[in-house]
C-alpha cells in the first residue's frame, strides 16, 4: 500500500517509514523540506505542512495514496501559564493549531482524495491523567484503565488529543472513512531507554508518578502498521482508539505493591489482577484487534 507519513523525519515517523518498507509497503514522505540519506533515499516526497490545507490536499491528489499515518503533532501544551509560549501570542496556540486544525486539514485532504484509512498517533493523555493543571489527582474509576474509562482532561495538549479522537470518529460516522487513534505511551527509543533506566530504577514516590505508561519506538511503529493492515482488510471497526504501551511500568516496584503503598483504596476498584510490573492502563484491545505485542523493556538497561 502507498502510505503517506506525516512527521516522517521525526523519531517515530522515521521509524514508521523504515518499518513500512520492511513490511513491503510504499511510504511517501509528507515533509516541510526535502530530506535525504538512509531510508529516505529514493522515496517519494511531498512538500507541505499540516497547517496548510492546500498542500495537504495536493500531497494526496490523483489517487496516489491508500492510507495516511499521521504522527505529526506538538508533543505538549504550548500555553502553560508562565511558559515562553504563554508570553508569546504567536506561539501560545501552536498545540491547538497543529494538533486539532492540522488533523482536520489532513482528514479533509484524505476525504477529498478518497483515502479510506487514516491512522493518527494520538496519546494516552487523551484520558487526562498527564498534565494536571489543578494539581488534583486524576480520578481513577477502575483499574486497569481502558478505552472506556471516563476522561478528565485539563490542559490543551490532552484536550487536543481527545478532540482529535472525536474528530476521527465523526469522519468515520459521517463519511465512511476508517479512522484510528493510537493512544501512545511515552515513546522511548533504545538510547532513551538506556538514559531512563537509572531514573526508573529509583524508589517510587507516588502512584501518579508512575501512572503514565511508556512504549518503545519500535513497538509503537509496528502498532501503526498492524492497525493499517487490519483496517485495510476490513478486520477493524470503522473507528477505534487503542492504548499502545509496554506491558511494563516505569516503576522499580511491582504494580500491586505501588497500589497498596500509595492508593490502597484502589484495591476495591481492580477489575483484574495486575501481576508483576503490569501497567495501570490496558493495551488488551490493541492486542485483540490486531495481534500486536509488546517486545521491548527498559529493565535490561538498569545499572548499565
Protein backbone atom coordinates (compact mmCIF):
# COMPACT_ATOMS: atom_id res chain seq x y z
CA UNK A 1 0.00 0.00 0.00
CA UNK A 2 1.06 3.59 -0.62
CA UNK A 3 1.18 5.23 2.80
CA UNK A 4 1.59 8.98 3.33
CA UNK A 5 3.52 9.58 6.57
CA UNK A 6 3.47 13.00 8.23
CA UNK A 7 6.26 13.95 10.61
CA UNK A 8 8.33 11.50 8.61
CA UNK A 9 11.66 12.93 9.73
CA UNK A 10 10.78 12.70 13.43
CA UNK A 11 11.88 9.96 15.78
CA UNK A 12 8.66 7.97 15.42
CA UNK A 13 7.85 8.97 11.84
CA UNK A 14 11.28 7.95 10.58
CA UNK A 15 10.97 4.55 12.21
CA UNK A 16 7.50 4.07 10.73
CA UNK A 17 8.95 4.81 7.28
CA UNK A 18 11.61 2.11 7.72
CA UNK A 19 9.14 -0.42 9.10
CA UNK A 20 6.70 0.24 6.25
CA UNK A 21 9.47 -0.54 3.78
CA UNK A 22 10.36 -3.72 5.66
CA UNK A 23 6.69 -4.79 5.57
CA UNK A 24 6.52 -4.35 1.79
CA UNK A 25 4.58 -1.07 1.72
CA UNK A 26 5.43 2.11 -0.17
CA UNK A 27 5.95 5.03 2.24
CA UNK A 28 5.52 8.56 0.92
CA UNK A 29 7.06 11.36 2.99
CA UNK A 30 4.99 14.45 3.78
CA UNK A 31 7.61 16.93 4.91
CA UNK A 32 8.17 20.67 5.13
CA UNK A 33 11.59 20.44 3.47
CA UNK A 34 13.35 17.86 1.27
CA UNK A 35 15.24 15.12 3.14
CA UNK A 36 17.87 12.62 2.04
CA UNK A 37 20.05 9.86 3.40
CA UNK A 38 19.48 6.40 4.80
CA UNK A 39 15.97 5.00 4.46
CA UNK A 40 14.77 8.25 2.85
CA UNK A 41 16.85 7.89 -0.33
CA UNK A 42 14.73 7.18 -3.37
CA UNK A 43 11.41 7.65 -1.58
CA UNK A 44 8.69 9.88 -2.96
CA UNK A 45 8.42 13.15 -1.06
CA UNK A 46 5.52 15.58 -0.95
CA UNK A 47 6.41 19.00 0.43
CA UNK A 48 3.86 20.68 2.64
CA UNK A 49 2.66 21.45 6.13
CA UNK A 50 -0.26 20.00 8.09
CA UNK A 51 -1.30 23.56 8.90
CA UNK A 52 -1.79 24.32 5.19
CA UNK A 53 -4.88 22.60 3.78
CA UNK A 54 -3.93 23.17 0.15
CA UNK A 55 -0.58 21.38 0.48
CA UNK A 56 -2.26 18.52 2.36
CA UNK A 57 -4.77 18.06 -0.47
CA UNK A 58 -2.10 18.28 -3.15
CA UNK A 59 0.06 15.68 -1.39
CA UNK A 60 -2.73 13.10 -1.78
CA UNK A 61 -4.08 14.21 -5.17
CA UNK A 62 -4.71 11.86 -8.04
CA UNK A 63 -5.48 8.70 -6.10
CA UNK A 64 -1.81 8.17 -5.31
CA UNK A 65 -2.30 7.44 -1.58
CA UNK A 66 -4.08 4.48 0.01
CA UNK A 67 -3.51 5.17 3.72
CA UNK A 68 -2.43 8.11 5.88
CA UNK A 69 -0.33 7.67 9.01
CA UNK A 70 -0.28 10.95 10.92
CA UNK A 71 2.33 11.22 13.72
CA UNK A 72 2.98 14.97 13.22
CA UNK A 73 1.99 16.89 16.35
CA UNK A 74 3.15 19.29 19.02
CA UNK A 75 4.11 16.98 21.93
CA UNK A 76 2.87 19.11 24.83
CA UNK A 77 0.95 22.23 25.82
CA UNK A 78 2.38 25.48 24.43
CA UNK A 79 0.16 27.66 26.59
CA UNK A 80 1.21 26.71 30.14
CA UNK A 81 0.92 29.69 32.45
CA UNK A 82 4.27 31.45 32.80
CA UNK A 83 5.94 29.49 29.98
CA UNK A 84 7.61 31.04 26.95
CA UNK A 85 4.58 30.05 24.90
CA UNK A 86 2.25 31.76 27.34
CA UNK A 87 4.16 35.01 26.85
CA UNK A 88 4.26 34.72 23.04
CA UNK A 89 0.86 35.24 21.43
CA UNK A 90 2.02 33.68 18.17
CA UNK A 91 3.37 30.54 19.82
CA UNK A 92 0.72 30.15 22.53
CA UNK A 93 -1.86 28.42 20.34
CA UNK A 94 0.55 26.11 18.50
CA UNK A 95 -0.63 22.95 20.28
CA UNK A 96 -4.25 23.55 19.36
CA UNK A 97 -3.41 24.81 15.88
CA UNK A 98 -1.27 21.85 14.86
CA UNK A 99 -2.91 19.04 16.81
CA UNK A 100 -6.53 19.94 16.09
CA UNK A 101 -6.61 22.07 12.93
CA UNK A 102 -3.66 20.17 11.45
CA UNK A 103 -5.53 16.89 11.97
CA UNK A 104 -8.65 18.44 10.43
CA UNK A 105 -6.64 19.50 7.37
CA UNK A 106 -5.23 16.01 6.91
CA UNK A 107 -8.66 14.42 7.29
CA UNK A 108 -10.13 16.89 4.80
CA UNK A 109 -7.36 16.08 2.35
CA UNK A 110 -7.94 12.34 2.79
CA UNK A 111 -11.68 12.80 2.28
CA UNK A 112 -11.23 14.85 -0.89
CA UNK A 113 -8.87 12.22 -2.32
CA UNK A 114 -10.84 9.11 -1.36
CA UNK A 115 -8.21 7.84 1.07
CA UNK A 116 -10.09 5.20 3.01
CA UNK A 117 -7.85 4.53 6.05
CA UNK A 118 -6.41 7.12 8.43
CA UNK A 119 -4.22 6.27 11.45
CA UNK A 120 -3.32 9.10 13.84
CA UNK A 121 -0.66 8.98 16.53
CA UNK A 122 -2.75 10.07 19.47
CA UNK A 123 -1.75 9.95 23.12
CA UNK A 124 -2.76 8.23 26.32
CA UNK A 125 -3.00 11.82 27.61
CA UNK A 126 -6.42 11.93 25.91
CA UNK A 127 -7.56 10.36 29.19
CA UNK A 128 -6.43 13.44 31.11
CA UNK A 129 -4.03 11.85 33.58
CA UNK A 130 -0.89 13.62 32.34
CA UNK A 131 -0.86 17.41 32.73
CA UNK A 132 -2.90 18.12 35.87
CA UNK A 133 -3.19 21.91 35.97
CA UNK A 134 -5.41 21.83 39.07
CA UNK A 135 -2.88 19.53 40.83
CA UNK A 136 -5.84 17.31 41.73
CA UNK A 137 -5.06 13.63 41.17
CA UNK A 138 -6.55 12.06 38.08
CA UNK A 139 -9.83 10.38 39.15
CA UNK A 140 -9.36 6.64 38.69
CA UNK A 141 -12.74 4.91 38.46
CA UNK A 142 -11.30 1.43 37.94
CA UNK A 143 -8.07 -0.41 37.13
CA UNK A 144 -6.68 -1.19 34.71
CA UNK A 145 -7.82 1.92 32.88
CA UNK A 146 -9.10 1.08 29.40
CA UNK A 147 -10.51 2.99 26.43
CA UNK A 148 -13.97 3.19 28.04
CA UNK A 149 -12.69 4.89 31.21
CA UNK A 150 -14.11 8.41 31.80
CA UNK A 151 -11.96 11.27 30.52
CA UNK A 152 -10.89 14.20 32.71
CA UNK A 153 -8.70 16.49 30.61
CA UNK A 154 -7.44 19.83 31.94
CA UNK A 155 -4.69 21.07 29.58
CA UNK A 156 -4.57 21.99 25.90
CA UNK A 157 -2.41 19.03 24.85
CA UNK A 158 -4.66 16.41 26.45
CA UNK A 159 -7.70 18.21 25.08
CA UNK A 160 -6.19 18.33 21.57
CA UNK A 161 -5.65 14.57 21.60
CA UNK A 162 -9.12 13.85 22.96
CA UNK A 163 -10.70 16.28 20.50
CA UNK A 164 -8.75 14.54 17.75
CA UNK A 165 -10.41 11.25 18.61
CA UNK A 166 -13.85 12.88 18.44
CA UNK A 167 -12.92 14.32 15.03
CA UNK A 168 -11.73 10.95 13.74
CA UNK A 169 -14.92 9.31 14.96
CA UNK A 170 -17.05 11.95 13.22
CA UNK A 171 -15.27 11.42 9.88
CA UNK A 172 -15.80 7.70 10.23
CA UNK A 173 -19.51 8.02 11.01
CA UNK A 174 -20.22 10.82 8.53
CA UNK A 175 -18.09 9.89 5.53
CA UNK A 176 -17.43 6.18 5.90
CA UNK A 177 -13.68 6.57 6.41
CA UNK A 178 -11.86 4.06 8.61
CA UNK A 179 -10.15 6.18 11.28
CA UNK A 180 -7.98 5.17 14.24
CA UNK A 181 -6.15 6.83 17.10
CA UNK A 182 -3.09 5.19 18.64
CA UNK A 183 -3.13 6.27 22.29
CA UNK A 184 0.61 6.05 22.50
CA UNK A 185 2.51 5.96 25.75
CA UNK A 186 5.71 7.90 26.33
CA UNK A 187 7.79 6.89 23.29
CA UNK A 188 11.35 5.75 24.05
CA UNK A 189 13.88 4.52 21.51
CA UNK A 190 16.77 2.34 22.66
CA UNK A 191 19.01 5.29 23.52
CA UNK A 192 16.25 6.87 25.60
CA UNK A 193 15.57 3.57 27.37
CA UNK A 194 19.22 3.43 28.37
CA UNK A 195 19.12 7.03 29.65
CA UNK A 196 15.92 6.49 31.60
CA UNK A 197 16.88 3.15 33.17
CA UNK A 198 18.68 4.88 36.04
CA UNK A 199 15.82 7.25 36.96
CA UNK A 200 13.25 4.47 36.52
CA UNK A 201 15.23 2.26 38.93
CA UNK A 202 14.87 4.77 41.78
CA UNK A 203 12.28 4.28 44.56
CA UNK A 204 8.73 5.20 43.60
CA UNK A 205 7.46 8.44 45.14
CA UNK A 206 3.76 8.21 44.27
CA UNK A 207 1.35 6.26 42.11
CA UNK A 208 0.74 9.34 39.96
CA UNK A 209 4.46 9.48 39.16
CA UNK A 210 4.37 6.05 37.51
CA UNK A 211 0.77 6.07 36.22
CA UNK A 212 1.82 7.26 32.76
CA UNK A 213 2.70 4.27 30.54
CA UNK A 214 5.57 4.12 28.07
CA UNK A 215 6.21 2.30 24.80
CA UNK A 216 9.30 1.57 22.73
CA UNK A 217 9.54 3.43 19.43
CA UNK A 218 9.91 0.05 17.75
CA UNK A 219 6.68 -1.34 19.20
CA UNK A 220 4.74 1.88 18.65
CA UNK A 221 5.73 1.97 14.98
CA UNK A 222 4.61 -1.62 14.44
CA UNK A 223 1.27 -0.87 16.13
CA UNK A 224 0.51 1.70 13.42
CA UNK A 225 1.31 -0.84 10.71
CA UNK A 226 -0.72 -3.60 12.34
CA UNK A 227 -3.69 -1.22 12.52
CA UNK A 228 -3.48 -0.06 8.91
CA UNK A 229 -3.15 -3.65 7.67
CA UNK A 230 -6.07 -4.89 9.77
CA UNK A 231 -8.22 -1.90 8.81
CA UNK A 232 -7.46 -2.23 5.11
CA UNK A 233 -8.54 -5.85 5.27
CA UNK A 234 -11.82 -4.90 6.93
CA UNK A 235 -10.87 -6.51 10.21
CA UNK A 236 -11.43 -3.49 12.48
CA UNK A 237 -14.44 -1.40 13.43
CA UNK A 238 -14.81 1.82 11.41
CA UNK A 239 -13.36 3.87 14.28
CA UNK A 240 -11.34 2.91 17.34
CA UNK A 241 -8.88 4.35 19.81
CA UNK A 242 -6.19 1.99 21.11
CA UNK A 243 -3.88 2.29 24.10
CA UNK A 244 -0.41 1.39 22.90
CA UNK A 245 2.20 0.84 25.60
CA UNK A 246 4.55 -1.71 27.07
CA UNK A 247 3.45 -4.50 29.39
CA UNK A 248 5.71 -2.78 31.87
CA UNK A 249 5.61 0.32 34.06
CA UNK A 250 8.35 2.84 34.78
CA UNK A 251 8.32 1.71 38.43
CA UNK A 252 11.08 -0.16 40.25
CA UNK A 253 8.44 -1.89 42.38
CA UNK A 254 5.71 -4.38 41.39
CA UNK A 255 2.44 -2.71 40.46
CA UNK A 256 0.38 -4.16 43.30
CA UNK A 257 2.99 -3.00 45.83
CA UNK A 258 2.71 0.55 44.44
CA UNK A 259 -1.08 0.46 44.76
CA UNK A 260 -1.01 -0.93 48.30
CA UNK A 261 1.54 1.64 49.43
CA UNK A 262 0.15 4.81 47.85
CA UNK A 263 -3.51 4.23 46.89
CA UNK A 264 -4.88 1.24 48.84
CA UNK A 265 -8.45 2.40 48.23
CA UNK A 266 -7.95 1.43 44.57
CA UNK A 267 -7.70 -2.25 45.50
CA UNK A 268 -11.50 -2.35 45.59
CA UNK A 269 -11.61 -0.94 42.05
CA UNK A 270 -9.47 -3.63 40.44
CA UNK A 271 -11.24 -5.41 37.60
CA UNK A 272 -8.46 -7.95 37.28
CA UNK A 273 -5.08 -8.69 38.79
CA UNK A 274 -2.03 -6.61 37.89
CA UNK A 275 0.83 -9.07 38.39
CA UNK A 276 4.49 -8.14 38.23
CA UNK A 277 5.06 -4.77 36.57
CA UNK A 278 1.72 -4.76 34.74
CA UNK A 279 0.75 -1.26 33.55
CA UNK A 280 -2.09 0.70 35.09
CA UNK A 281 -3.66 1.05 31.63
CA UNK A 282 -4.77 -1.87 29.49
CA UNK A 283 -3.48 -2.47 25.96
CA UNK A 284 -5.60 -5.60 25.54
CA UNK A 285 -7.90 -4.06 22.94
CA UNK A 286 -4.97 -3.38 20.59
CA UNK A 287 -3.72 -6.95 21.08
CA UNK A 288 -7.15 -8.48 20.49
CA UNK A 289 -7.91 -6.44 17.36
CA UNK A 290 -4.53 -6.57 15.61
CA UNK A 291 -2.33 -9.27 17.16
CA UNK A 292 0.20 -6.63 18.24
CA UNK A 293 2.56 -7.50 21.08
CA UNK A 294 4.99 -5.59 23.27
CA UNK A 295 8.60 -6.70 22.71
CA UNK A 296 10.93 -4.22 24.46
CA UNK A 297 11.66 -3.15 28.02
CA UNK A 298 13.98 -0.76 29.83
CA UNK A 299 14.83 -3.15 32.66
CA UNK A 300 17.71 -4.84 30.90
CA UNK A 301 19.49 -1.48 30.84
CA UNK A 302 19.12 -0.82 34.57
CA UNK A 303 22.56 -0.38 36.08
CA UNK A 304 24.24 -0.38 32.68
